[in-house]
Amino acid sequence: MTGTATSSTSATPYRRSGPVPRGVGTGAGLLAVSLLVYSALGAIWGALRPPIRGTHLEEGAVSLDPTSSAEFSSFITFALTTAVVGAIFGVFAYVLNPGARGLRMLLWLLVVVLAGAGSFLAVGDLVGTALHSTVVNPDDLAPGEEVMLMPRFNPGIAWLASPFLAALSYWLCLALSVRQEG
């Protein structure tokens, strides 16, 4: 042997097992679209969300407007908006991929719309605080000066509005299609 080395192992190129399964692609697309839609609507919600108004008092405290319904209007608009969007996504998930219909898609839909509601809230709080809150040093305020505050919003039970209506609309689509086939 005169300095030639032979290798007993040959390099095998990486083989792709095939395209991404349609169900996985559909689920990922559903998640991406829902995060975009919920975030965009959350930005609009945050911009339209009413702040709490108050008046700076001489003692350095702030007297809040007792007639303000900012918390209630924030709650009801969050619940209604996310619920309607959840119902639309339930129908969308049903129509999108007939081959993936079933319990797995329903459970994935619940995760997707809950994540969407989270993005709605996060973006809405960020936009609302940026647009409506006057964060100032109390020493810089004159007595009687009006301030606006955007409180952090806790949706409580409204978290469930979007998943509930998404599941309901998806299930109704399934039930009606079985009824029409039978």
Protein backbone atom coordinates (compact mmCIF):
# COMPACT_ATOMS: atom_id res chain seq x y z
CA MET A 1 0.00 0.00 0.00
CA THR A 2 1.47 3.25 -1.04
CA GLY A 3 -0.23 5.88 1.04
CA THR A 4 -3.79 5.57 -0.26
CA ALA A 5 -6.37 5.33 2.41
CA THR A 6 -9.71 3.80 1.81
CA SER A 7 -12.67 4.40 4.01
CA SER A 8 -14.98 1.60 4.90
CA THR A 9 -17.80 4.01 5.64
CA SER A 10 -19.49 5.93 2.90
CA ALA A 11 -21.22 9.20 3.49
CA THR A 12 -24.95 8.93 3.06
CA PRO A 13 -26.74 12.11 2.22
CA TYR A 14 -29.52 13.30 4.50
CA ARG A 15 -32.86 12.11 3.25
CA ARG A 16 -35.93 14.05 4.04
CA SER A 17 -38.74 11.76 5.00
CA GLY A 18 -41.23 13.77 3.02
CA PRO A 19 -43.19 16.95 3.32
CA VAL A 20 -44.69 18.12 6.57
CA PRO A 21 -47.92 16.22 7.18
CA ARG A 22 -50.97 18.22 6.19
CA GLY A 23 -52.45 18.13 9.69
CA VAL A 24 -49.28 19.58 11.23
CA GLY A 25 -49.09 22.30 8.60
CA THR A 26 -52.75 23.13 9.07
CA GLY A 27 -52.34 23.35 12.84
CA ALA A 28 -49.26 25.57 12.56
CA GLY A 29 -51.00 27.81 10.06
CA LEU A 30 -54.05 28.06 12.29
CA LEU A 31 -51.84 29.11 15.21
CA ALA A 32 -49.96 31.72 13.14
CA VAL A 33 -53.11 33.25 11.67
CA SER A 34 -54.86 33.34 15.05
CA LEU A 35 -51.93 35.07 16.75
CA LEU A 36 -51.85 37.70 14.01
CA VAL A 37 -55.62 38.28 14.05
CA TYR A 38 -55.94 38.35 17.83
CA SER A 39 -52.90 40.65 18.17
CA ALA A 40 -54.24 43.10 15.58
CA LEU A 41 -57.65 43.16 17.25
CA GLY A 42 -55.97 43.51 20.64
CA ALA A 43 -54.14 46.61 19.41
CA ILE A 44 -57.45 48.12 18.29
CA TRP A 45 -59.06 47.16 21.61
CA GLY A 46 -56.19 48.76 23.55
CA ALA A 47 -56.45 51.97 21.53
CA LEU A 48 -60.21 52.21 22.11
CA ARG A 49 -60.16 51.10 25.75
CA PRO A 50 -61.24 53.95 28.04
CA PRO A 51 -58.84 55.05 30.75
CA ILE A 52 -59.79 55.86 34.32
CA ARG A 53 -59.78 59.59 34.89
CA GLY A 54 -58.78 61.16 38.14
CA THR A 55 -58.02 64.51 39.71
CA HIS A 56 -54.83 65.27 41.61
CA LEU A 57 -55.60 66.45 45.14
CA GLU A 58 -53.57 68.80 47.31
CA GLU A 59 -52.37 65.99 49.57
CA GLY A 60 -50.68 64.24 46.64
CA ALA A 61 -53.44 61.64 46.24
CA VAL A 62 -55.57 61.11 43.16
CA SER A 63 -59.35 61.11 43.37
CA LEU A 64 -60.75 58.71 40.78
CA ASP A 65 -63.94 59.47 38.89
CA PRO A 66 -66.66 57.38 40.59
CA THR A 67 -68.80 57.30 37.45
CA SER A 68 -66.08 55.65 35.37
CA SER A 69 -66.99 52.27 33.92
CA ALA A 70 -63.60 51.64 32.36
CA GLU A 71 -63.15 48.26 34.04
CA PHE A 72 -66.57 46.97 33.03
CA SER A 73 -66.34 48.20 29.45
CA SER A 74 -62.86 46.66 29.15
CA PHE A 75 -64.16 43.36 30.51
CA ILE A 76 -67.23 43.16 28.30
CA THR A 77 -65.44 44.19 25.12
CA PHE A 78 -62.65 41.67 25.83
CA ALA A 79 -65.14 38.87 26.41
CA LEU A 80 -67.33 39.66 23.40
CA THR A 81 -64.50 40.29 20.95
CA THR A 82 -62.51 37.20 21.84
CA ALA A 83 -65.69 35.08 21.90
CA VAL A 84 -66.75 36.16 18.40
CA VAL A 85 -63.25 35.65 17.02
CA GLY A 86 -63.10 32.24 18.72
CA ALA A 87 -66.37 31.20 17.06
CA ILE A 88 -65.03 32.31 13.68
CA PHE A 89 -61.84 30.32 14.23
CA GLY A 90 -63.90 27.28 15.20
CA VAL A 91 -65.65 27.34 11.82
CA PHE A 92 -62.37 28.18 10.08
CA ALA A 93 -60.63 25.17 11.67
CA TYR A 94 -63.49 22.92 10.59
CA VAL A 95 -63.46 24.11 6.97
CA LEU A 96 -59.68 24.38 6.63
CA ASN A 97 -58.74 20.70 6.57
CA PRO A 98 -61.48 18.07 6.32
CA GLY A 99 -58.92 15.29 6.85
CA ALA A 100 -57.92 16.60 10.27
CA ARG A 101 -61.40 16.89 11.74
CA GLY A 102 -61.87 15.29 15.10
CA LEU A 103 -60.91 15.44 18.74
CA ARG A 104 -57.24 16.27 18.12
CA MET A 105 -58.13 19.32 16.03
CA LEU A 106 -60.72 20.40 18.60
CA LEU A 107 -58.14 20.22 21.41
CA TRP A 108 -55.57 22.04 19.26
CA LEU A 109 -58.17 24.69 18.48
CA LEU A 110 -58.67 25.27 22.22
CA VAL A 111 -54.93 25.81 22.68
CA VAL A 112 -54.78 28.11 19.64
CA VAL A 113 -57.63 30.41 20.68
CA LEU A 114 -56.44 30.55 24.29
CA ALA A 115 -53.01 31.63 23.02
CA GLY A 116 -54.78 34.11 20.76
CA ALA A 117 -56.72 35.56 23.70
CA GLY A 118 -53.40 35.91 25.54
CA SER A 119 -51.88 37.82 22.63
CA PHE A 120 -55.05 39.96 22.42
CA LEU A 121 -54.64 40.91 26.08
CA ALA A 122 -50.87 41.45 25.95
CA VAL A 123 -50.96 43.67 22.87
CA GLY A 124 -54.09 45.48 24.06
CA ASP A 125 -52.56 46.28 27.45
CA LEU A 126 -49.35 47.47 25.82
CA VAL A 127 -51.14 49.75 23.35
CA GLY A 128 -53.65 51.03 25.92
CA THR A 129 -50.95 51.89 28.42
CA ALA A 130 -48.81 53.59 25.78
CA LEU A 131 -51.70 55.71 24.50
CA HIS A 132 -53.74 56.52 27.58
CA SER A 133 -51.66 56.50 30.74
CA THR A 134 -50.09 59.65 32.05
CA VAL A 135 -47.25 58.40 34.20
CA VAL A 136 -45.89 61.48 35.91
CA ASN A 137 -44.19 62.44 39.10
CA PRO A 138 -46.90 63.49 41.61
CA ASP A 139 -44.74 66.44 42.65
CA ASP A 140 -45.03 67.85 39.11
CA LEU A 141 -48.83 67.94 39.24
CA ALA A 142 -50.82 70.95 40.33
CA PRO A 143 -53.85 70.39 42.56
CA GLY A 144 -56.95 69.92 40.44
CA GLU A 145 -55.01 68.67 37.41
CA GLU A 146 -56.60 65.74 35.60
CA VAL A 147 -54.68 62.48 35.15
CA MET A 148 -55.53 59.37 33.15
CA LEU A 149 -54.67 55.87 34.31
CA MET A 150 -54.84 52.62 32.38
CA PRO A 151 -55.14 49.87 34.98
CA ARG A 152 -53.84 46.39 34.29
CA PHE A 153 -56.69 44.29 33.08
CA ASN A 154 -57.41 40.86 34.52
CA PRO A 155 -60.01 39.07 32.37
CA GLY A 156 -60.92 36.48 35.00
CA ILE A 157 -63.62 34.20 33.63
CA ALA A 158 -63.55 36.01 30.27
CA TRP A 159 -60.45 33.92 29.43
CA LEU A 160 -62.88 31.11 28.70
CA ALA A 161 -65.13 33.00 26.26
CA SER A 162 -62.95 32.41 23.21
CA PRO A 163 -62.20 28.71 23.81
CA PHE A 164 -65.83 28.01 24.70
CA LEU A 165 -67.29 29.52 21.55
CA ALA A 166 -64.51 28.07 19.38
CA ALA A 167 -65.25 24.58 20.70
CA LEU A 168 -68.99 25.11 20.40
CA SER A 169 -68.83 26.32 16.79
CA TYR A 170 -66.41 23.52 15.80
CA TRP A 171 -68.60 20.90 17.47
CA LEU A 172 -71.75 22.29 15.85
CA CYS A 173 -70.08 22.11 12.43
CA LEU A 174 -69.18 18.48 13.15
CA ALA A 175 -72.66 17.64 14.38
CA LEU A 176 -74.39 19.29 11.43
CA SER A 177 -72.11 17.59 8.91
CA VAL A 178 -72.83 14.15 10.44
CA ARG A 179 -76.52 14.90 10.37
CA GLN A 180 -76.38 15.90 6.68
CA GLU A 181 -74.39 12.79 5.74
CA GLY A 182 -76.72 10.44 7.63
